[in-house]
PDB file of N, CA and C in Angstrom:
ATOM      1  N   MET A   1     -63.978 177.394  68.254  1.00  0.00           N
ATOM      2  CA  MET A   1     -63.575 176.839  66.976  1.00  0.00           C
ATOM      3  C   MET A   1     -62.189 176.225  67.125  1.00  0.00           C
ATOM      4  N   ARG A   2     -62.031 175.048  66.628  1.00  0.00           N
ATOM      5  CA  ARG A   2     -60.739 174.361  66.714  1.00  0.00           C
ATOM      6  C   ARG A   2     -60.320 173.932  65.310  1.00  0.00           C
ATOM      7  N   GLU A   3     -59.970 174.907  64.511  1.00  0.00           N
ATOM      8  CA  GLU A   3     -59.576 174.634  63.131  1.00  0.00           C
ATOM      9  C   GLU A   3     -58.186 173.999  63.105  1.00  0.00           C
ATOM     10  N   PRO A   4     -57.980 173.012  62.241  1.00  0.00           N
ATOM     11  CA  PRO A   4     -56.662 172.372  62.141  1.00  0.00           C
ATOM     12  C   PRO A   4     -55.625 173.304  61.508  1.00  0.00           C
ATOM     13  N   ARG A   5     -54.374 173.009  61.784  1.00  0.00           N
ATOM     14  CA  ARG A   5     -53.275 173.765  61.177  1.00  0.00           C
ATOM     15  C   ARG A   5     -53.425 173.769  59.665  1.00  0.00           C
ATOM     16  N   GLY A   6     -53.092 174.895  59.079  1.00  0.00           N
ATOM     17  CA  GLY A   6     -53.146 175.023  57.626  1.00  0.00           C
ATOM     18  C   GLY A   6     -54.472 175.523  57.096  1.00  0.00           C
ATOM     19  N   THR A   7     -55.506 175.576  57.935  1.00  0.00           N
ATOM     20  CA  THR A   7     -56.806 176.067  57.505  1.00  0.00           C
ATOM     21  C   THR A   7     -56.749 177.570  57.282  1.00  0.00           C
ATOM     22  N   LEU A   8     -57.307 178.030  56.182  1.00  0.00           N
ATOM     23  CA  LEU A   8     -57.396 179.464  55.923  1.00  0.00           C
ATOM     24  C   LEU A   8     -58.672 179.991  56.547  1.00  0.00           C
ATOM     25  N   VAL A   9     -58.532 181.052  57.333  1.00  0.00           N
ATOM     26  CA  VAL A   9     -59.673 181.624  58.050  1.00  0.00           C
ATOM     27  C   VAL A   9     -59.689 183.138  57.878  1.00  0.00           C
ATOM     28  N   LEU A  10     -60.865 183.718  58.117  1.00  0.00           N
ATOM     29  CA  LEU A  10     -61.009 185.168  58.140  1.00  0.00           C
ATOM     30  C   LEU A  10     -61.133 185.605  59.589  1.00  0.00           C
ATOM     31  N   ASP A  11     -60.264 186.500  60.016  1.00  0.00           N
ATOM     32  CA  ASP A  11     -60.319 187.079  61.355  1.00  0.00           C
ATOM     33  C   ASP A  11     -61.209 188.319  61.258  1.00  0.00           C
ATOM     34  N   SER A  12     -62.429 188.213  61.762  1.00  0.00           N
ATOM     35  CA  SER A  12     -63.386 189.317  61.615  1.00  0.00           C
ATOM     36  C   SER A  12     -62.999 190.541  62.441  1.00  0.00           C
ATOM     37  N   GLN A  13     -62.155 190.382  63.441  1.00  0.00           N
ATOM     38  CA  GLN A  13     -61.738 191.544  64.238  1.00  0.00           C
ATOM     39  C   GLN A  13     -60.738 192.416  63.494  1.00  0.00           C
ATOM     40  N   THR A  14     -59.920 191.801  62.651  1.00  0.00           N
ATOM     41  CA  THR A  14     -58.929 192.571  61.900  1.00  0.00           C
ATOM     42  C   THR A  14     -59.275 192.702  60.428  1.00  0.00           C
ATOM     43  N   GLY A  15     -60.162 191.830  59.936  1.00  0.00           N
ATOM     44  CA  GLY A  15     -60.496 191.814  58.523  1.00  0.00           C
ATOM     45  C   GLY A  15     -59.449 191.115  57.674  1.00  0.00           C
ATOM     46  N   LYS A  16     -58.487 190.453  58.327  1.00  0.00           N
ATOM     47  CA  LYS A  16     -57.399 189.800  57.608  1.00  0.00           C
ATOM     48  C   LYS A  16     -57.658 188.307  57.462  1.00  0.00           C
ATOM     49  N   VAL A  17     -57.119 187.748  56.380  1.00  0.00           N
ATOM     50  CA  VAL A  17     -57.127 186.312  56.168  1.00  0.00           C
ATOM     51  C   VAL A  17     -55.840 185.755  56.753  1.00  0.00           C
ATOM     52  N   GLY A  18     -55.947 184.635  57.445  1.00  0.00           N
ATOM     53  CA  GLY A  18     -54.774 184.010  58.024  1.00  0.00           C
ATOM     54  C   GLY A  18     -54.829 182.503  57.915  1.00  0.00           C
ATOM     55  N   GLU A  19     -53.657 181.901  57.984  1.00  0.00           N
ATOM     56  CA  GLU A  19     -53.521 180.455  58.012  1.00  0.00           C
ATOM     57  C   GLU A  19     -53.292 180.049  59.466  1.00  0.00           C
ATOM     58  N   VAL A  20     -54.061 179.091  59.939  1.00  0.00           N
ATOM     59  CA  VAL A  20     -53.907 178.634  61.318  1.00  0.00           C
ATOM     60  C   VAL A  20     -52.551 177.953  61.461  1.00  0.00           C
ATOM     61  N   MET A  21     -51.740 178.490  62.364  1.00  0.00           N
ATOM     62  CA  MET A  21     -50.411 177.927  62.611  1.00  0.00           C
ATOM     63  C   MET A  21     -50.378 177.103  63.885  1.00  0.00           C
ATOM     64  N   ASP A  22     -51.159 177.528  64.895  1.00  0.00           N
ATOM     65  CA  ASP A  22     -51.128 176.839  66.185  1.00  0.00           C
ATOM     66  C   ASP A  22     -52.275 177.341  67.051  1.00  0.00           C
ATOM     67  N   HIS A  23     -52.501 176.632  68.134  1.00  0.00           N
ATOM     68  CA  HIS A  23     -53.451 177.039  69.164  1.00  0.00           C
ATOM     69  C   HIS A  23     -52.641 177.251  70.436  1.00  0.00           C
ATOM     70  N   GLN A  24     -52.733 178.434  71.013  1.00  0.00           N
ATOM     71  CA  GLN A  24     -52.027 178.762  72.254  1.00  0.00           C
ATOM     72  C   GLN A  24     -53.070 179.106  73.302  1.00  0.00           C
ATOM     73  N   GLY A  25     -53.372 178.158  74.171  1.00  0.00           N
ATOM     74  CA  GLY A  25     -54.410 178.382  75.162  1.00  0.00           C
ATOM     75  C   GLY A  25     -55.717 178.657  74.447  1.00  0.00           C
ATOM     76  N   PRO A  26     -56.389 179.743  74.810  1.00  0.00           N
ATOM     77  CA  PRO A  26     -57.666 180.046  74.173  1.00  0.00           C
ATOM     78  C   PRO A  26     -57.526 180.830  72.862  1.00  0.00           C
ATOM     79  N   ARG A  27     -56.310 181.094  72.407  1.00  0.00           N
ATOM     80  CA  ARG A  27     -56.091 181.937  71.225  1.00  0.00           C
ATOM     81  C   ARG A  27     -55.566 181.119  70.048  1.00  0.00           C
ATOM     82  N   LEU A  28     -55.805 181.630  68.859  1.00  0.00           N
ATOM     83  CA  LEU A  28     -55.246 181.052  67.644  1.00  0.00           C
ATOM     84  C   LEU A  28     -54.049 181.873  67.201  1.00  0.00           C
ATOM     85  N   GLN A  29     -53.054 181.207  66.669  1.00  0.00           N
ATOM     86  CA  GLN A  29     -51.920 181.880  66.055  1.00  0.00           C
ATOM     87  C   GLN A  29     -52.137 181.812  64.545  1.00  0.00           C
ATOM     88  N   LEU A  30     -52.262 182.979  63.910  1.00  0.00           N
ATOM     89  CA  LEU A  30     -52.501 183.056  62.474  1.00  0.00           C
ATOM     90  C   LEU A  30     -51.330 183.735  61.786  1.00  0.00           C
ATOM     91  N   ARG A  31     -51.137 183.377  60.506  1.00  0.00           N
ATOM     92  CA  ARG A  31     -50.077 183.973  59.702  1.00  0.00           C
ATOM     93  C   ARG A  31     -50.653 184.294  58.332  1.00  0.00           C
ATOM     94  N   PRO A  32     -50.264 185.397  57.722  1.00  0.00           N
ATOM     95  CA  PRO A  32     -50.749 185.689  56.375  1.00  0.00           C
ATOM     96  C   PRO A  32     -50.418 184.528  55.425  1.00  0.00           C
ATOM     97  N   PRO A  33     -51.294 184.187  54.492  1.00  0.00           N
ATOM     98  CA  PRO A  33     -51.079 183.038  53.607  1.00  0.00           C
ATOM     99  C   PRO A  33     -49.786 183.090  52.802  1.00  0.00           C
ATOM    100  N   GLY A  34     -49.319 184.255  52.428  1.00  0.00           N
ATOM    101  CA  GLY A  34     -48.078 184.359  51.659  1.00  0.00           C
ATOM    102  C   GLY A  34     -46.840 184.480  52.531  1.00  0.00           C
ATOM    103  N   GLY A  35     -47.020 184.381  53.841  1.00  0.00           N
ATOM    104  CA  GLY A  35     -45.918 184.544  54.775  1.00  0.00           C
ATOM    105  C   GLY A  35     -45.986 185.900  55.441  1.00  0.00           C
ATOM    106  N   GLY A  36     -45.320 186.016  56.529  1.00  0.00           N
ATOM    107  CA  GLY A  36     -45.315 187.285  57.248  1.00  0.00           C
ATOM    108  C   GLY A  36     -45.459 187.070  58.738  1.00  0.00           C
ATOM    109  N   ARG A  37     -45.699 188.150  59.425  1.00  0.00           N
ATOM    110  CA  ARG A  37     -45.760 188.145  60.881  1.00  0.00           C
ATOM    111  C   ARG A  37     -47.060 187.530  61.393  1.00  0.00           C
ATOM    112  N   GLU A  38     -46.933 186.631  62.354  1.00  0.00           N
ATOM    113  CA  GLU A  38     -48.102 185.999  62.969  1.00  0.00           C
ATOM    114  C   GLU A  38     -48.819 186.970  63.894  1.00  0.00           C
ATOM    115  N   TRP A  39     -50.099 186.697  64.119  1.00  0.00           N
ATOM    116  CA  TRP A  39     -50.874 187.450  65.094  1.00  0.00           C
ATOM    117  C   TRP A  39     -51.802 186.492  65.824  1.00  0.00           C
ATOM    118  N   GLU A  40     -52.272 186.940  66.965  1.00  0.00           N
ATOM    119  CA  GLU A  40     -53.199 186.146  67.760  1.00  0.00           C
ATOM    120  C   GLU A  40     -54.623 186.555  67.426  1.00  0.00           C
ATOM    121  N   ALA A  41     -55.515 185.559  67.432  1.00  0.00           N
ATOM    122  CA  ALA A  41     -56.920 185.828  67.152  1.00  0.00           C
ATOM    123  C   ALA A  41     -57.804 185.085  68.140  1.00  0.00           C
ATOM    124  N   ASP A  42     -58.940 185.674  68.387  1.00  0.00           N
ATOM    125  CA  ASP A  42     -59.967 185.053  69.219  1.00  0.00           C
ATOM    126  C   ASP A  42     -60.665 183.995  68.364  1.00  0.00           C
ATOM    127  N   PRO A  43     -60.681 182.730  68.781  1.00  0.00           N
ATOM    128  CA  PRO A  43     -61.316 181.677  67.983  1.00  0.00           C
ATOM    129  C   PRO A  43     -62.779 181.965  67.652  1.00  0.00           C
ATOM    130  N   GLY A  44     -63.466 182.709  68.503  1.00  0.00           N
ATOM    131  CA  GLY A  44     -64.854 183.051  68.245  1.00  0.00           C
ATOM    132  C   GLY A  44     -65.034 184.110  67.171  1.00  0.00           C
ATOM    133  N   ALA A  45     -63.932 184.743  66.769  1.00  0.00           N
ATOM    134  CA  ALA A  45     -63.993 185.818  65.785  1.00  0.00           C
ATOM    135  C   ALA A  45     -63.465 185.386  64.424  1.00  0.00           C
ATOM    136  N   VAL A  46     -63.205 184.097  64.246  1.00  0.00           N
ATOM    137  CA  VAL A  46     -62.716 183.624  62.958  1.00  0.00           C
ATOM    138  C   VAL A  46     -63.702 182.631  62.357  1.00  0.00           C
ATOM    139  N   ARG A  47     -63.655 182.558  61.026  1.00  0.00           N
ATOM    140  CA  ARG A  47     -64.451 181.560  60.323  1.00  0.00           C
ATOM    141  C   ARG A  47     -63.625 181.022  59.170  1.00  0.00           C
ATOM    142  N   PRO A  48     -63.837 179.757  58.827  1.00  0.00           N
ATOM    143  CA  PRO A  48     -63.117 179.214  57.668  1.00  0.00           C
ATOM    144  C   PRO A  48     -63.540 179.939  56.400  1.00  0.00           C
ATOM    145  N   LEU A  49     -62.626 180.024  55.446  1.00  0.00           N
ATOM    146  CA  LEU A  49     -62.957 180.622  54.161  1.00  0.00           C
ATOM    147  C   LEU A  49     -63.795 179.645  53.338  1.00  0.00           C
ATOM    148  N   THR A  50     -64.645 180.207  52.500  1.00  0.00           N
ATOM    149  CA  THR A  50     -65.384 179.371  51.560  1.00  0.00           C
ATOM    150  C   THR A  50     -64.402 178.842  50.513  1.00  0.00           C
ATOM    151  N   ASP A  51     -64.828 177.858  49.735  1.00  0.00           N
ATOM    152  CA  ASP A  51     -63.975 177.329  48.673  1.00  0.00           C
ATOM    153  C   ASP A  51     -63.574 178.424  47.688  1.00  0.00           C
ATOM    154  N   ALA A  52     -64.523 179.289  47.338  1.00  0.00           N
ATOM    155  CA  ALA A  52     -64.232 180.377  46.397  1.00  0.00           C
ATOM    156  C   ALA A  52     -63.218 181.361  46.993  1.00  0.00           C
ATOM    157  N   GLU A  53     -63.366 181.680  48.282  1.00  0.00           N
ATOM    158  CA  GLU A  53     -62.421 182.588  48.941  1.00  0.00           C
ATOM    159  C   GLU A  53     -61.031 181.973  49.004  1.00  0.00           C
ATOM    160  N   GLN A  54     -60.960 180.668  49.303  1.00  0.00           N
ATOM    161  CA  GLN A  54     -59.667 179.989  49.356  1.00  0.00           C
ATOM    162  C   GLN A  54     -58.973 180.028  48.002  1.00  0.00           C
ATOM    163  N   LEU A  55     -59.734 179.742  46.942  1.00  0.00           N
ATOM    164  CA  LEU A  55     -59.160 179.761  45.599  1.00  0.00           C
ATOM    165  C   LEU A  55     -58.625 181.144  45.256  1.00  0.00           C
ATOM    166  N   SER A  56     -59.377 182.170  45.573  1.00  0.00           N
ATOM    167  CA  SER A  56     -58.951 183.535  45.301  1.00  0.00           C
ATOM    168  C   SER A  56     -57.645 183.866  46.022  1.00  0.00           C
ATOM    169  N   ILE A  57     -57.551 183.502  47.291  1.00  0.00           N
ATOM    170  CA  ILE A  57     -56.337 183.772  48.074  1.00  0.00           C
ATOM    171  C   ILE A  57     -55.157 182.991  47.512  1.00  0.00           C
ATOM    172  N   LYS A  58     -55.366 181.719  47.189  1.00  0.00           N
ATOM    173  CA  LYS A  58     -54.267 180.889  46.664  1.00  0.00           C
ATOM    174  C   LYS A  58     -53.759 181.411  45.327  1.00  0.00           C
ATOM    175  N   VAL A  59     -54.659 181.868  44.465  1.00  0.00           N
ATOM    176  CA  VAL A  59     -54.245 182.446  43.185  1.00  0.00           C
ATOM    177  C   VAL A  59     -53.472 183.735  43.425  1.00  0.00           C
ATOM    178  N   SER A  60     -53.936 184.555  44.343  1.00  0.00           N
ATOM    179  CA  SER A  60     -53.250 185.805  44.661  1.00  0.00           C
ATOM    180  C   SER A  60     -51.836 185.550  45.176  1.00  0.00           C
ATOM    181  N   VAL A  61     -51.688 184.574  46.069  1.00  0.00           N
ATOM    182  CA  VAL A  61     -50.368 184.244  46.618  1.00  0.00           C
ATOM    183  C   VAL A  61     -49.461 183.714  45.504  1.00  0.00           C
ATOM    184  N   ALA A  62     -49.988 182.822  44.665  1.00  0.00           N
ATOM    185  CA  ALA A  62     -49.190 182.269  43.565  1.00  0.00           C
ATOM    186  C   ALA A  62     -48.747 183.365  42.604  1.00  0.00           C
ATOM    187  N   ASN A  63     -49.649 184.289  42.273  1.00  0.00           N
ATOM    188  CA  ASN A  63     -49.290 185.391  41.379  1.00  0.00           C
ATOM    189  C   ASN A  63     -48.228 186.287  41.999  1.00  0.00           C
ATOM    190  N   SER A  64     -48.347 186.534  43.288  1.00  0.00           N
ATOM    191  CA  SER A  64     -47.371 187.367  43.980  1.00  0.00           C
ATOM    192  C   SER A  64     -45.999 186.710  43.971  1.00  0.00           C
ATOM    193  N   ARG A  65     -45.964 185.414  44.236  1.00  0.00           N
ATOM    194  CA  ARG A  65     -44.684 184.695  44.235  1.00  0.00           C
ATOM    195  C   ARG A  65     -44.068 184.684  42.854  1.00  0.00           C
ATOM    196  N   ALA A  66     -44.900 184.488  41.831  1.00  0.00           N
ATOM    197  CA  ALA A  66     -44.392 184.480  40.450  1.00  0.00           C
ATOM    198  C   ALA A  66     -43.851 185.858  40.079  1.00  0.00           C
ATOM    199  N   ARG A  67     -44.555 186.891  40.505  1.00  0.00           N
ATOM    200  CA  ARG A  67     -44.159 188.254  40.179  1.00  0.00           C
ATOM    201  C   ARG A  67     -42.850 188.643  40.847  1.00  0.00           C
ATOM    202  N   TRP A  68     -42.694 188.233  42.110  1.00  0.00           N
ATOM    203  CA  TRP A  68     -41.525 188.644  42.878  1.00  0.00           C
ATOM    204  C   TRP A  68     -40.480 187.557  43.011  1.00  0.00           C
ATOM    205  N   GLY A  69     -40.683 186.422  42.361  1.00  0.00           N
ATOM    206  CA  GLY A  69     -39.681 185.374  42.358  1.00  0.00           C
ATOM    207  C   GLY A  69     -39.477 184.677  43.675  1.00  0.00           C
ATOM    208  N   LYS A  70     -40.536 184.571  44.462  1.00  0.00           N
ATOM    209  CA  LYS A  70     -40.406 183.919  45.782  1.00  0.00           C
ATOM    210  C   LYS A  70     -40.922 182.508  45.716  1.00  0.00           C
TER     211      LYS A  70
END
């Protein structure tokens, strides 16, 4: 899988949602959508989020930022 930067994906090995930040050799560099520490993922273990999943994550991030003033 060669998802472009900024794509929201689900890492099935960790169960976490991440934003594609970069490709390093055979690995993906992912970061939590609201910010945080990056992690490496196996491209074969990630899938793009559905439109509904993306909307849910974006609303959650926006609510968190509004709540905490970020």
